[in-house]
PDB file of N, CA and C in Angstrom:
ATOM      1  N   MET A   1      57.755  21.136  78.695  1.00  0.00           N
ATOM      2  CA  MET A   1      57.036  21.310  77.445  1.00  0.00           C
ATOM      3  C   MET A   1      55.544  21.477  77.763  1.00  0.00           C
ATOM      4  N   THR A   2      54.919  22.443  77.135  1.00  0.00           N
ATOM      5  CA  THR A   2      53.503  22.700  77.337  1.00  0.00           C
ATOM      6  C   THR A   2      52.680  21.852  76.388  1.00  0.00           C
ATOM      7  N   ASN A   3      51.624  21.234  76.912  1.00  0.00           N
ATOM      8  CA  ASN A   3      50.721  20.461  76.062  1.00  0.00           C
ATOM      9  C   ASN A   3      49.745  21.385  75.368  1.00  0.00           C
ATOM     10  N   LEU A   4      49.503  21.123  74.118  1.00  0.00           N
ATOM     11  CA  LEU A   4      48.569  21.895  73.314  1.00  0.00           C
ATOM     12  C   LEU A   4      47.234  21.173  73.293  1.00  0.00           C
ATOM     13  N   ASP A   5      46.152  21.874  73.600  1.00  0.00           N
ATOM     14  CA  ASP A   5      44.819  21.274  73.547  1.00  0.00           C
ATOM     15  C   ASP A   5      44.406  21.159  72.082  1.00  0.00           C
ATOM     16  N   LEU A   6      44.418  19.947  71.565  1.00  0.00           N
ATOM     17  CA  LEU A   6      44.095  19.708  70.161  1.00  0.00           C
ATOM     18  C   LEU A   6      42.618  19.451  69.926  1.00  0.00           C
ATOM     19  N   SER A   7      41.833  19.354  70.974  1.00  0.00           N
ATOM     20  CA  SER A   7      40.439  18.939  70.837  1.00  0.00           C
ATOM     21  C   SER A   7      39.588  19.900  70.012  1.00  0.00           C
ATOM     22  N   THR A   8      39.971  21.152  69.959  1.00  0.00           N
ATOM     23  CA  THR A   8      39.189  22.135  69.200  1.00  0.00           C
ATOM     24  C   THR A   8      39.943  22.694  67.998  1.00  0.00           C
ATOM     25  N   LYS A   9      41.119  22.148  67.732  1.00  0.00           N
ATOM     26  CA  LYS A   9      41.954  22.656  66.639  1.00  0.00           C
ATOM     27  C   LYS A   9      41.574  22.011  65.313  1.00  0.00           C
ATOM     28  N   ARG A  10      41.524  22.847  64.266  1.00  0.00           N
ATOM     29  CA  ARG A  10      41.336  22.353  62.894  1.00  0.00           C
ATOM     30  C   ARG A  10      42.736  22.029  62.364  1.00  0.00           C
ATOM     31  N   ILE A  11      42.931  20.762  61.979  1.00  0.00           N
ATOM     32  CA  ILE A  11      44.267  20.279  61.619  1.00  0.00           C
ATOM     33  C   ILE A  11      44.257  19.779  60.179  1.00  0.00           C
ATOM     34  N   LEU A  12      45.202  20.270  59.404  1.00  0.00           N
ATOM     35  CA  LEU A  12      45.400  19.822  58.028  1.00  0.00           C
ATOM     36  C   LEU A  12      46.613  18.897  58.006  1.00  0.00           C
ATOM     37  N   VAL A  13      46.437  17.677  57.482  1.00  0.00           N
ATOM     38  CA  VAL A  13      47.546  16.728  57.398  1.00  0.00           C
ATOM     39  C   VAL A  13      47.776  16.411  55.929  1.00  0.00           C
ATOM     40  N   THR A  14      48.837  16.996  55.353  1.00  0.00           N
ATOM     41  CA  THR A  14      49.164  16.670  53.969  1.00  0.00           C
ATOM     42  C   THR A  14      49.800  15.293  53.965  1.00  0.00           C
ATOM     43  N   GLY A  15      49.457  14.501  52.975  1.00  0.00           N
ATOM     44  CA  GLY A  15      49.966  13.137  52.924  1.00  0.00           C
ATOM     45  C   GLY A  15      49.285  12.219  53.916  1.00  0.00           C
ATOM     46  N   GLY A  16      48.171  12.665  54.457  1.00  0.00           N
ATOM     47  CA  GLY A  16      47.474  11.906  55.490  1.00  0.00           C
ATOM     48  C   GLY A  16      46.890  10.593  55.027  1.00  0.00           C
ATOM     49  N   ALA A  17      46.783  10.393  53.735  1.00  0.00           N
ATOM     50  CA  ALA A  17      46.235   9.140  53.213  1.00  0.00           C
ATOM     51  C   ALA A  17      47.305   8.058  53.113  1.00  0.00           C
ATOM     52  N   GLY A  18      48.562   8.443  53.226  1.00  0.00           N
ATOM     53  CA  GLY A  18      49.659   7.482  53.109  1.00  0.00           C
ATOM     54  C   GLY A  18      49.967   6.802  54.432  1.00  0.00           C
ATOM     55  N   PHE A  19      50.920   5.882  54.402  1.00  0.00           N
ATOM     56  CA  PHE A  19      51.281   5.118  55.589  1.00  0.00           C
ATOM     57  C   PHE A  19      51.737   6.031  56.726  1.00  0.00           C
ATOM     58  N   LEU A  20      52.700   6.907  56.459  1.00  0.00           N
ATOM     59  CA  LEU A  20      53.202   7.796  57.511  1.00  0.00           C
ATOM     60  C   LEU A  20      52.142   8.792  57.963  1.00  0.00           C
ATOM     61  N   GLY A  21      51.370   9.295  57.002  1.00  0.00           N
ATOM     62  CA  GLY A  21      50.302  10.230  57.341  1.00  0.00           C
ATOM     63  C   GLY A  21      49.272   9.620  58.265  1.00  0.00           C
ATOM     64  N   GLN A  22      48.943   8.361  58.044  1.00  0.00           N
ATOM     65  CA  GLN A  22      47.994   7.668  58.924  1.00  0.00           C
ATOM     66  C   GLN A  22      48.563   7.538  60.333  1.00  0.00           C
ATOM     67  N   GLN A  23      49.869   7.348  60.443  1.00  0.00           N
ATOM     68  CA  GLN A  23      50.502   7.278  61.763  1.00  0.00           C
ATOM     69  C   GLN A  23      50.436   8.640  62.458  1.00  0.00           C
ATOM     70  N   VAL A  24      50.638   9.701  61.695  1.00  0.00           N
ATOM     71  CA  VAL A  24      50.533  11.053  62.252  1.00  0.00           C
ATOM     72  C   VAL A  24      49.118  11.295  62.765  1.00  0.00           C
ATOM     73  N   ILE A  25      48.124  10.920  61.967  1.00  0.00           N
ATOM     74  CA  ILE A  25      46.734  11.111  62.368  1.00  0.00           C
ATOM     75  C   ILE A  25      46.419  10.311  63.629  1.00  0.00           C
ATOM     76  N   SER A  26      46.909   9.089  63.695  1.00  0.00           N
ATOM     77  CA  SER A  26      46.691   8.263  64.892  1.00  0.00           C
ATOM     78  C   SER A  26      47.287   8.924  66.131  1.00  0.00           C
ATOM     79  N   GLN A  27      48.484   9.475  65.984  1.00  0.00           N
ATOM     80  CA  GLN A  27      49.121  10.146  67.117  1.00  0.00           C
ATOM     81  C   GLN A  27      48.376  11.422  67.511  1.00  0.00           C
ATOM     82  N   LEU A  28      47.901  12.163  66.520  1.00  0.00           N
ATOM     83  CA  LEU A  28      47.120  13.362  66.819  1.00  0.00           C
ATOM     84  C   LEU A  28      45.862  12.999  67.604  1.00  0.00           C
ATOM     85  N   GLN A  29      45.188  11.945  67.171  1.00  0.00           N
ATOM     86  CA  GLN A  29      43.979  11.514  67.866  1.00  0.00           C
ATOM     87  C   GLN A  29      44.300  11.012  69.269  1.00  0.00           C
ATOM     88  N   ALA A  30      45.418  10.323  69.422  1.00  0.00           N
ATOM     89  CA  ALA A  30      45.833   9.851  70.742  1.00  0.00           C
ATOM     90  C   ALA A  30      46.116  11.016  71.689  1.00  0.00           C
ATOM     91  N   GLN A  31      46.498  12.164  71.103  1.00  0.00           N
ATOM     92  CA  GLN A  31      46.767  13.359  71.898  1.00  0.00           C
ATOM     93  C   GLN A  31      45.527  14.235  72.071  1.00  0.00           C
ATOM     94  N   GLY A  32      44.368  13.738  71.624  1.00  0.00           N
ATOM     95  CA  GLY A  32      43.114  14.439  71.868  1.00  0.00           C
ATOM     96  C   GLY A  32      42.520  15.188  70.697  1.00  0.00           C
ATOM     97  N   ALA A  33      43.112  15.068  69.518  1.00  0.00           N
ATOM     98  CA  ALA A  33      42.558  15.755  68.343  1.00  0.00           C
ATOM     99  C   ALA A  33      41.212  15.139  67.966  1.00  0.00           C
ATOM    100  N   ASN A  34      40.289  15.995  67.583  1.00  0.00           N
ATOM    101  CA  ASN A  34      38.962  15.558  67.158  1.00  0.00           C
ATOM    102  C   ASN A  34      39.061  15.083  65.702  1.00  0.00           C
ATOM    103  N   PRO A  35      38.731  13.816  65.423  1.00  0.00           N
ATOM    104  CA  PRO A  35      38.844  13.306  64.049  1.00  0.00           C
ATOM    105  C   PRO A  35      37.995  14.086  63.049  1.00  0.00           C
ATOM    106  N   ASP A  36      36.907  14.668  63.510  1.00  0.00           N
ATOM    107  CA  ASP A  36      36.044  15.444  62.619  1.00  0.00           C
ATOM    108  C   ASP A  36      36.675  16.767  62.204  1.00  0.00           C
ATOM    109  N   LEU A  37      37.715  17.187  62.917  1.00  0.00           N
ATOM    110  CA  LEU A  37      38.379  18.454  62.605  1.00  0.00           C
ATOM    111  C   LEU A  37      39.703  18.256  61.872  1.00  0.00           C
ATOM    112  N   ILE A  38      40.012  17.005  61.537  1.00  0.00           N
ATOM    113  CA  ILE A  38      41.235  16.705  60.791  1.00  0.00           C
ATOM    114  C   ILE A  38      40.897  16.625  59.305  1.00  0.00           C
ATOM    115  N   THR A  39      41.611  17.403  58.503  1.00  0.00           N
ATOM    116  CA  THR A  39      41.410  17.418  57.058  1.00  0.00           C
ATOM    117  C   THR A  39      42.608  16.783  56.375  1.00  0.00           C
ATOM    118  N   VAL A  40      42.309  15.896  55.432  1.00  0.00           N
ATOM    119  CA  VAL A  40      43.353  15.270  54.615  1.00  0.00           C
ATOM    120  C   VAL A  40      43.028  15.610  53.165  1.00  0.00           C
ATOM    121  N   PRO A  41      43.741  16.587  52.577  1.00  0.00           N
ATOM    122  CA  PRO A  41      43.456  16.946  51.188  1.00  0.00           C
ATOM    123  C   PRO A  41      43.880  15.829  50.238  1.00  0.00           C
ATOM    124  N   ARG A  42      43.012  15.492  49.326  1.00  0.00           N
ATOM    125  CA  ARG A  42      43.301  14.460  48.326  1.00  0.00           C
ATOM    126  C   ARG A  42      43.825  15.137  47.070  1.00  0.00           C
ATOM    127  N   SER A  43      44.853  14.579  46.477  1.00  0.00           N
ATOM    128  CA  SER A  43      45.481  15.215  45.316  1.00  0.00           C
ATOM    129  C   SER A  43      44.520  15.345  44.144  1.00  0.00           C
ATOM    130  N   ALA A  44      43.548  14.444  44.025  1.00  0.00           N
ATOM    131  CA  ALA A  44      42.576  14.540  42.932  1.00  0.00           C
ATOM    132  C   ALA A  44      41.695  15.776  43.092  1.00  0.00           C
ATOM    133  N   ASP A  45      41.457  16.183  44.347  1.00  0.00           N
ATOM    134  CA  ASP A  45      40.604  17.339  44.618  1.00  0.00           C
ATOM    135  C   ASP A  45      41.385  18.620  44.842  1.00  0.00           C
ATOM    136  N   CYS A  46      42.612  18.476  45.313  1.00  0.00           N
ATOM    137  CA  CYS A  46      43.391  19.649  45.719  1.00  0.00           C
ATOM    138  C   CYS A  46      44.871  19.397  45.440  1.00  0.00           C
ATOM    139  N   ASP A  47      45.322  19.771  44.275  1.00  0.00           N
ATOM    140  CA  ASP A  47      46.727  19.593  43.899  1.00  0.00           C
ATOM    141  C   ASP A  47      47.559  20.655  44.615  1.00  0.00           C
ATOM    142  N   LEU A  48      48.304  20.233  45.639  1.00  0.00           N
ATOM    143  CA  LEU A  48      49.071  21.175  46.446  1.00  0.00           C
ATOM    144  C   LEU A  48      50.339  21.669  45.756  1.00  0.00           C
ATOM    145  N   ARG A  49      50.564  21.240  44.529  1.00  0.00           N
ATOM    146  CA  ARG A  49      51.672  21.803  43.756  1.00  0.00           C
ATOM    147  C   ARG A  49      51.287  23.156  43.163  1.00  0.00           C
ATOM    148  N   VAL A  50      49.991  23.505  43.254  1.00  0.00           N
ATOM    149  CA  VAL A  50      49.478  24.782  42.754  1.00  0.00           C
ATOM    150  C   VAL A  50      49.304  25.709  43.955  1.00  0.00           C
ATOM    151  N   LEU A  51      49.981  26.847  43.926  1.00  0.00           N
ATOM    152  CA  LEU A  51      50.002  27.759  45.063  1.00  0.00           C
ATOM    153  C   LEU A  51      48.597  28.170  45.506  1.00  0.00           C
ATOM    154  N   GLU A  52      47.714  28.467  44.590  1.00  0.00           N
ATOM    155  CA  GLU A  52      46.354  28.883  44.948  1.00  0.00           C
ATOM    156  C   GLU A  52      45.644  27.793  45.751  1.00  0.00           C
ATOM    157  N   ASN A  53      45.862  26.537  45.377  1.00  0.00           N
ATOM    158  CA  ASN A  53      45.257  25.423  46.120  1.00  0.00           C
ATOM    159  C   ASN A  53      45.822  25.332  47.532  1.00  0.00           C
ATOM    160  N   CYS A  54      47.103  25.644  47.678  1.00  0.00           N
ATOM    161  CA  CYS A  54      47.719  25.650  49.009  1.00  0.00           C
ATOM    162  C   CYS A  54      47.060  26.698  49.899  1.00  0.00           C
ATOM    163  N   HIS A  55      46.840  27.877  49.340  1.00  0.00           N
ATOM    164  CA  HIS A  55      46.182  28.940  50.101  1.00  0.00           C
ATOM    165  C   HIS A  55      44.788  28.505  50.541  1.00  0.00           C
ATOM    166  N   LYS A  56      44.054  27.874  49.635  1.00  0.00           N
ATOM    167  CA  LYS A  56      42.708  27.398  49.972  1.00  0.00           C
ATOM    168  C   LYS A  56      42.758  26.313  51.038  1.00  0.00           C
ATOM    169  N   ALA A  57      43.712  25.408  50.929  1.00  0.00           N
ATOM    170  CA  ALA A  57      43.793  24.277  51.851  1.00  0.00           C
ATOM    171  C   ALA A  57      44.107  24.725  53.285  1.00  0.00           C
ATOM    172  N   VAL A  58      44.946  25.725  53.446  1.00  0.00           N
ATOM    173  CA  VAL A  58      45.342  26.144  54.783  1.00  0.00           C
ATOM    174  C   VAL A  58      44.409  27.173  55.400  1.00  0.00           C
ATOM    175  N   HIS A  59      43.497  27.709  54.594  1.00  0.00           N
ATOM    176  CA  HIS A  59      42.565  28.718  55.111  1.00  0.00           C
ATOM    177  C   HIS A  59      41.744  28.148  56.269  1.00  0.00           C
ATOM    178  N   ASN A  60      41.706  28.858  57.355  1.00  0.00           N
ATOM    179  CA  ASN A  60      40.945  28.482  58.570  1.00  0.00           C
ATOM    180  C   ASN A  60      41.493  27.260  59.302  1.00  0.00           C
ATOM    181  N   GLN A  61      42.703  26.855  59.005  1.00  0.00           N
ATOM    182  CA  GLN A  61      43.318  25.740  59.734  1.00  0.00           C
ATOM    183  C   GLN A  61      44.140  26.310  60.890  1.00  0.00           C
ATOM    184  N   ASP A  62      44.158  25.594  61.998  1.00  0.00           N
ATOM    185  CA  ASP A  62      44.946  26.012  63.166  1.00  0.00           C
ATOM    186  C   ASP A  62      46.334  25.373  63.175  1.00  0.00           C
ATOM    187  N   VAL A  63      46.404  24.137  62.677  1.00  0.00           N
ATOM    188  CA  VAL A  63      47.657  23.382  62.685  1.00  0.00           C
ATOM    189  C   VAL A  63      47.817  22.744  61.313  1.00  0.00           C
ATOM    190  N   ILE A  64      49.034  22.789  60.768  1.00  0.00           N
ATOM    191  CA  ILE A  64      49.313  22.169  59.479  1.00  0.00           C
ATOM    192  C   ILE A  64      50.502  21.228  59.658  1.00  0.00           C
ATOM    193  N   VAL A  65      50.297  19.981  59.229  1.00  0.00           N
ATOM    194  CA  VAL A  65      51.356  18.979  59.329  1.00  0.00           C
ATOM    195  C   VAL A  65      51.666  18.513  57.931  1.00  0.00           C
TER     196      VAL A  65
END
């Protein structure tokens, strides 16, 4: 398996504010992800049930979880 260099990747983590999402973020950081490049969309600001918001949220992201 090839390791992916996460240090420069912009990562979107949906549900990142929840218990499981926080575990995902911790693992990403343990694998070298830059915390400043991890985005966690908040439902109050970005309702991902609306397709247009989904398009905006994923724009310029390298990895989506």
